[in-house]
Amino acid sequence: MVSHFVAKGRTEEEAKKNMFLMDRYGLLKESLADKMTLGQKSFMVPDADWEGVDTTSLLEVVKAIKPHILIGCSTRAGAFTEDIVKEMAKHVERPIILPLSNPTRLHEAVPADLIKWTDGKALVATGSPFPPVDGVSYTRPPTQRLERSERSHGVWGRAPAAGGTSTPASLLTMKACHFREQ
């Protein structure tokens, strides 16, 4: 994703300032640097910018940053709750939500719920197969792009944090960014 924004004329620093990453400890803040990988450290945010916000809560972080794109690769089933998705949808007309964890039982959200919670406005792509979603304006199965061999190399878990990879997962997220710009 960083590469995409750089290709569109932003600096790497500008691109990273618009990406907020969370892990099991919460938002990647400077005070958590000793718990981060080298790749995560380049996405740290200053603690002072987040005073008064519970940065261990995805809902509170979503309220603060009002994201257009939500990418899940946590394998934490149900992490994208109705409250979180509805909060996101308050601030963006067409939220892009990518619950990419695998296998299906570990997805952050079920596509049918995401469509329902956003009144059919969300663009949803998943990392595992799901049944088609009815009731919007058409029936279409949620997208699944990566083959098993690519997933087994950790593409899903690393692609959003790695930034400059050329894996299918990073292409998927770049397409999502392109969609948002139009």
C-alpha atoms as a PDB file:
ATOM      1  CA  MET A   1       0.000   0.000   0.000  1.00  0.00           C
ATOM      2  CA  VAL A   2       2.854   2.365   0.750  1.00  0.00           C
ATOM      3  CA  SER A   3       4.219   1.746  -2.755  1.00  0.00           C
ATOM      4  CA  HIS A   4       0.842   2.580  -4.241  1.00  0.00           C
ATOM      5  CA  PHE A   5       0.672   5.958  -2.516  1.00  0.00           C
ATOM      6  CA  VAL A   6       4.287   6.730  -3.427  1.00  0.00           C
ATOM      7  CA  ALA A   7       3.470   5.903  -7.066  1.00  0.00           C
ATOM      8  CA  LYS A   8       0.586   8.385  -6.801  1.00  0.00           C
ATOM      9  CA  GLY A   9       2.957  11.172  -5.715  1.00  0.00           C
ATOM     10  CA  ARG A  10       3.011  10.915  -1.935  1.00  0.00           C
ATOM     11  CA  THR A  11       6.194  10.472   0.068  1.00  0.00           C
ATOM     12  CA  GLU A  12       6.706   7.258   2.002  1.00  0.00           C
ATOM     13  CA  GLU A  13       6.354   9.246   5.223  1.00  0.00           C
ATOM     14  CA  GLU A  14       3.037  10.764   4.087  1.00  0.00           C
ATOM     15  CA  ALA A  15       1.739   7.343   3.101  1.00  0.00           C
ATOM     16  CA  LYS A  16       2.630   5.801   6.448  1.00  0.00           C
ATOM     17  CA  LYS A  17       1.024   8.687   8.351  1.00  0.00           C
ATOM     18  CA  ASN A  18      -2.288   7.636   6.813  1.00  0.00           C
ATOM     19  CA  MET A  19      -1.966   3.989   7.848  1.00  0.00           C
ATOM     20  CA  PHE A  20      -2.669   2.875  11.385  1.00  0.00           C
ATOM     21  CA  LEU A  21      -1.701  -0.634  12.379  1.00  0.00           C
ATOM     22  CA  MET A  22      -2.840  -2.580  15.419  1.00  0.00           C
ATOM     23  CA  ASP A  23      -1.574  -5.823  16.857  1.00  0.00           C
ATOM     24  CA  ARG A  24      -2.364  -7.777  20.015  1.00  0.00           C
ATOM     25  CA  TYR A  25      -1.086  -4.888  22.155  1.00  0.00           C
ATOM     26  CA  GLY A  26      -3.212  -2.290  20.360  1.00  0.00           C
ATOM     27  CA  LEU A  27      -2.277   0.597  18.095  1.00  0.00           C
ATOM     28  CA  LEU A  28       1.421   0.591  17.200  1.00  0.00           C
ATOM     29  CA  LYS A  29       2.644   3.439  19.412  1.00  0.00           C
ATOM     30  CA  GLU A  30       6.188   4.471  20.243  1.00  0.00           C
ATOM     31  CA  SER A  31       5.830   3.216  23.834  1.00  0.00           C
ATOM     32  CA  LEU A  32       5.347  -0.322  22.472  1.00  0.00           C
ATOM     33  CA  ALA A  33       8.498  -0.307  20.315  1.00  0.00           C
ATOM     34  CA  ASP A  34      10.147  -3.101  22.323  1.00  0.00           C
ATOM     35  CA  LYS A  35       7.252  -5.424  21.379  1.00  0.00           C
ATOM     36  CA  MET A  36       7.368  -4.687  17.636  1.00  0.00           C
ATOM     37  CA  THR A  37       9.145  -6.134  14.655  1.00  0.00           C
ATOM     38  CA  LEU A  38      11.404  -3.898  12.589  1.00  0.00           C
ATOM     39  CA  GLY A  39       8.710  -3.632   9.896  1.00  0.00           C
ATOM     40  CA  GLN A  40       6.092  -2.550  12.430  1.00  0.00           C
ATOM     41  CA  LYS A  41       8.315   0.160  13.898  1.00  0.00           C
ATOM     42  CA  SER A  42       8.136   2.235  10.726  1.00  0.00           C
ATOM     43  CA  PHE A  43       4.371   2.592  11.335  1.00  0.00           C
ATOM     44  CA  MET A  44       4.576   3.702  14.992  1.00  0.00           C
ATOM     45  CA  VAL A  45       2.621   6.764  16.040  1.00  0.00           C
ATOM     46  CA  PRO A  46       3.566   9.175  18.836  1.00  0.00           C
ATOM     47  CA  ASP A  47       1.897   8.378  22.153  1.00  0.00           C
ATOM     48  CA  ALA A  48       1.149  12.077  22.688  1.00  0.00           C
ATOM     49  CA  ASP A  49      -1.173  12.081  19.668  1.00  0.00           C
ATOM     50  CA  TRP A  50      -3.350   9.436  21.337  1.00  0.00           C
ATOM     51  CA  GLU A  51      -3.768  10.747  24.881  1.00  0.00           C
ATOM     52  CA  GLY A  52      -7.266  10.034  26.151  1.00  0.00           C
ATOM     53  CA  VAL A  53      -7.949   7.312  23.533  1.00  0.00           C
ATOM     54  CA  ASP A  54      -8.052   3.644  24.484  1.00  0.00           C
ATOM     55  CA  THR A  55      -5.651   2.426  21.806  1.00  0.00           C
ATOM     56  CA  THR A  56      -6.223  -1.203  22.736  1.00  0.00           C
ATOM     57  CA  SER A  57      -9.806  -0.864  21.453  1.00  0.00           C
ATOM     58  CA  LEU A  58     -10.368  -1.120  17.701  1.00  0.00           C
ATOM     59  CA  LEU A  59     -13.666   0.744  18.139  1.00  0.00           C
ATOM     60  CA  GLU A  60     -11.966   3.699  19.831  1.00  0.00           C
ATOM     61  CA  VAL A  61      -9.221   3.820  17.193  1.00  0.00           C
ATOM     62  CA  VAL A  62     -11.837   3.713  14.407  1.00  0.00           C
ATOM     63  CA  LYS A  63     -13.704   6.581  16.092  1.00  0.00           C
ATOM     64  CA  ALA A  64     -10.497   8.611  16.218  1.00  0.00           C
ATOM     65  CA  ILE A  65      -9.150   8.047  12.699  1.00  0.00           C
ATOM     66  CA  LYS A  66     -12.351   7.510  10.676  1.00  0.00           C
ATOM     67  CA  PRO A  67     -10.769   5.017   8.258  1.00  0.00           C
ATOM     68  CA  HIS A  68     -11.915   4.341   4.699  1.00  0.00           C
ATOM     69  CA  ILE A  69     -10.313   0.884   4.599  1.00  0.00           C
ATOM     70  CA  LEU A  70     -10.250  -1.775   7.319  1.00  0.00           C
ATOM     71  CA  ILE A  71      -7.930  -4.731   6.733  1.00  0.00           C
ATOM     72  CA  GLY A  72      -7.977  -7.776   8.967  1.00  0.00           C
ATOM     73  CA  CYS A  73      -5.207 -10.333   9.172  1.00  0.00           C
ATOM     74  CA  SER A  74      -5.390 -11.031  12.908  1.00  0.00           C
ATOM     75  CA  THR A  75      -7.096 -14.456  12.877  1.00  0.00           C
ATOM     76  CA  ARG A  76      -9.272 -13.042  15.669  1.00  0.00           C
ATOM     77  CA  ALA A  77     -12.755 -14.236  14.793  1.00  0.00           C
ATOM     78  CA  GLY A  78     -15.390 -11.529  15.084  1.00  0.00           C
ATOM     79  CA  ALA A  79     -12.905  -8.671  15.588  1.00  0.00           C
ATOM     80  CA  PHE A  80     -14.876  -6.437  13.202  1.00  0.00           C
ATOM     81  CA  THR A  81     -18.015  -6.076  15.301  1.00  0.00           C
ATOM     82  CA  GLU A  82     -21.260  -4.412  14.306  1.00  0.00           C
ATOM     83  CA  ASP A  83     -20.369  -1.366  16.438  1.00  0.00           C
ATOM     84  CA  ILE A  84     -16.988  -0.983  14.729  1.00  0.00           C
ATOM     85  CA  VAL A  85     -18.383  -1.388  11.222  1.00  0.00           C
ATOM     86  CA  LYS A  86     -21.275   0.996  11.824  1.00  0.00           C
ATOM     87  CA  GLU A  87     -18.892   3.563  13.292  1.00  0.00           C
ATOM     88  CA  MET A  88     -16.732   3.290  10.200  1.00  0.00           C
ATOM     89  CA  ALA A  89     -19.758   3.603   7.905  1.00  0.00           C
ATOM     90  CA  LYS A  90     -20.761   6.893   9.612  1.00  0.00           C
ATOM     91  CA  HIS A  91     -17.686   8.578   8.153  1.00  0.00           C
ATOM     92  CA  VAL A  92     -17.302   7.054   4.696  1.00  0.00           C
ATOM     93  CA  GLU A  93     -19.893   6.470   2.002  1.00  0.00           C
ATOM     94  CA  ARG A  94     -18.388   3.196   0.682  1.00  0.00           C
ATOM     95  CA  PRO A  95     -16.281   1.499   3.376  1.00  0.00           C
ATOM     96  CA  ILE A  96     -13.761  -1.042   2.135  1.00  0.00           C
ATOM     97  CA  ILE A  97     -13.561  -3.963   4.536  1.00  0.00           C
ATOM     98  CA  LEU A  98     -11.122  -6.813   3.977  1.00  0.00           C
ATOM     99  CA  PRO A  99     -11.410  -9.625   6.548  1.00  0.00           C
ATOM    100  CA  LEU A 100      -8.483 -11.613   5.169  1.00  0.00           C
ATOM    101  CA  SER A 101      -7.740 -14.128   7.929  1.00  0.00           C
ATOM    102  CA  ASN A 102      -7.748 -17.787   7.124  1.00  0.00           C
ATOM    103  CA  PRO A 103      -9.354 -20.262   7.616  1.00  0.00           C
ATOM    104  CA  THR A 104     -12.990 -19.138   7.492  1.00  0.00           C
ATOM    105  CA  ARG A 105     -13.604 -19.820  11.195  1.00  0.00           C
ATOM    106  CA  LEU A 106     -10.979 -17.175  12.057  1.00  0.00           C
ATOM    107  CA  HIS A 107     -12.346 -14.352   9.893  1.00  0.00           C
ATOM    108  CA  GLU A 108     -12.724 -10.951  11.490  1.00  0.00           C
ATOM    109  CA  ALA A 109     -16.271 -10.711  10.089  1.00  0.00           C
ATOM    110  CA  VAL A 110     -18.727 -12.533   7.855  1.00  0.00           C
ATOM    111  CA  PRO A 111     -19.432 -10.765   4.531  1.00  0.00           C
ATOM    112  CA  ALA A 112     -23.217 -11.015   4.918  1.00  0.00           C
ATOM    113  CA  ASP A 113     -22.968  -9.146   8.241  1.00  0.00           C
ATOM    114  CA  LEU A 114     -20.704  -6.468   6.771  1.00  0.00           C
ATOM    115  CA  ILE A 115     -23.141  -5.881   3.918  1.00  0.00           C
ATOM    116  CA  LYS A 116     -26.077  -5.773   6.351  1.00  0.00           C
ATOM    117  CA  TRP A 117     -24.375  -3.446   8.840  1.00  0.00           C
ATOM    118  CA  THR A 118     -23.485  -0.956   6.073  1.00  0.00           C
ATOM    119  CA  ASP A 119     -26.858  -1.134   4.289  1.00  0.00           C
ATOM    120  CA  GLY A 120     -25.174  -2.744   1.294  1.00  0.00           C
ATOM    121  CA  LYS A 121     -22.557  -0.011   0.858  1.00  0.00           C
ATOM    122  CA  ALA A 122     -19.403  -1.890   1.877  1.00  0.00           C
ATOM    123  CA  LEU A 123     -16.922  -3.232  -0.630  1.00  0.00           C
ATOM    124  CA  VAL A 124     -15.922  -6.584   0.870  1.00  0.00           C
ATOM    125  CA  ALA A 125     -13.184  -9.034  -0.100  1.00  0.00           C
ATOM    126  CA  THR A 126     -12.235 -12.059   1.992  1.00  0.00           C
ATOM    127  CA  GLY A 127      -9.380 -14.493   2.417  1.00  0.00           C
ATOM    128  CA  SER A 128     -11.606 -17.575   2.397  1.00  0.00           C
ATOM    129  CA  PRO A 129     -14.688 -18.667   0.489  1.00  0.00           C
ATOM    130  CA  PHE A 130     -18.099 -17.595   1.770  1.00  0.00           C
ATOM    131  CA  PRO A 131     -21.561 -18.148   0.334  1.00  0.00           C
ATOM    132  CA  PRO A 132     -23.017 -15.461  -1.946  1.00  0.00           C
ATOM    133  CA  VAL A 133     -24.636 -12.459  -0.262  1.00  0.00           C
ATOM    134  CA  ASP A 134     -28.235 -11.810  -1.318  1.00  0.00           C
ATOM    135  CA  GLY A 135     -30.369  -8.725  -1.016  1.00  0.00           C
ATOM    136  CA  VAL A 136     -28.159  -5.882  -2.168  1.00  0.00           C
ATOM    137  CA  SER A 137     -28.690  -5.203  -5.867  1.00  0.00           C
ATOM    138  CA  TYR A 138     -27.234  -8.476  -7.078  1.00  0.00           C
ATOM    139  CA  THR A 139     -25.948 -11.788  -5.799  1.00  0.00           C
ATOM    140  CA  ARG A 140     -22.214 -12.197  -5.926  1.00  0.00           C
ATOM    141  CA  PRO A 141     -19.802 -14.344  -3.947  1.00  0.00           C
ATOM    142  CA  PRO A 142     -17.287 -12.396  -1.848  1.00  0.00           C
ATOM    143  CA  THR A 143     -13.922 -12.231  -3.591  1.00  0.00           C
ATOM    144  CA  GLN A 144     -11.180 -14.705  -2.792  1.00  0.00           C
ATOM    145  CA  ARG A 145      -7.951 -14.051  -4.662  1.00  0.00           C
ATOM    146  CA  LEU A 146      -5.018 -16.004  -3.232  1.00  0.00           C
ATOM    147  CA  GLU A 147      -4.303 -19.650  -3.850  1.00  0.00           C
ATOM    148  CA  ARG A 148      -3.341 -21.998  -1.020  1.00  0.00           C
ATOM    149  CA  SER A 149       0.375 -21.977  -1.904  1.00  0.00           C
ATOM    150  CA  GLU A 150       0.551 -18.197  -1.592  1.00  0.00           C
ATOM    151  CA  ARG A 151      -1.322 -18.182   1.736  1.00  0.00           C
ATOM    152  CA  SER A 152       0.949 -20.834   3.192  1.00  0.00           C
ATOM    153  CA  HIS A 153       3.922 -18.476   2.831  1.00  0.00           C
ATOM    154  CA  GLY A 154       2.333 -15.946   5.169  1.00  0.00           C
ATOM    155  CA  VAL A 155       1.209 -13.487   2.510  1.00  0.00           C
ATOM    156  CA  TRP A 156      -2.057 -12.751   4.304  1.00  0.00           C
ATOM    157  CA  GLY A 157      -0.401 -12.050   7.616  1.00  0.00           C
ATOM    158  CA  ARG A 158       2.363  -9.860   6.248  1.00  0.00           C
ATOM    159  CA  ALA A 159       1.077  -8.058   3.191  1.00  0.00           C
ATOM    160  CA  PRO A 160      -0.560  -5.004   4.821  1.00  0.00           C
ATOM    161  CA  ALA A 161       2.372  -4.439   7.200  1.00  0.00           C
ATOM    162  CA  ALA A 162       5.093  -5.133   4.641  1.00  0.00           C
ATOM    163  CA  GLY A 163       3.926  -2.265   2.482  1.00  0.00           C
ATOM    164  CA  GLY A 164       6.079  -2.618  -0.601  1.00  0.00           C
ATOM    165  CA  THR A 165       5.511  -6.248  -1.495  1.00  0.00           C
ATOM    166  CA  SER A 166       4.303  -7.325  -4.905  1.00  0.00           C
ATOM    167  CA  THR A 167       2.187 -10.194  -3.611  1.00  0.00           C
ATOM    168  CA  PRO A 168      -1.398 -10.689  -4.732  1.00  0.00           C
ATOM    169  CA  ALA A 169      -2.556  -9.526  -1.288  1.00  0.00           C
ATOM    170  CA  SER A 170      -0.821  -6.186  -1.656  1.00  0.00           C
ATOM    171  CA  LEU A 171      -2.275  -5.832  -5.152  1.00  0.00           C
ATOM    172  CA  LEU A 172      -5.721  -6.420  -3.711  1.00  0.00           C
ATOM    173  CA  THR A 173      -5.260  -3.688  -1.140  1.00  0.00           C
ATOM    174  CA  MET A 174      -3.807  -1.324  -3.756  1.00  0.00           C
ATOM    175  CA  LYS A 175      -6.894  -1.865  -5.892  1.00  0.00           C
ATOM    176  CA  ALA A 176      -8.977  -1.015  -2.858  1.00  0.00           C
ATOM    177  CA  CYS A 177      -6.998   2.228  -2.453  1.00  0.00           C
ATOM    178  CA  HIS A 178      -7.471   3.051  -6.133  1.00  0.00           C
ATOM    179  CA  PHE A 179     -11.207   2.447  -5.748  1.00  0.00           C
ATOM    180  CA  ARG A 180     -11.363   4.901  -2.836  1.00  0.00           C
ATOM    181  CA  GLU A 181      -9.601   7.636  -4.843  1.00  0.00           C
ATOM    182  CA  GLN A 182     -12.206   7.582  -7.626  1.00  0.00           C
END
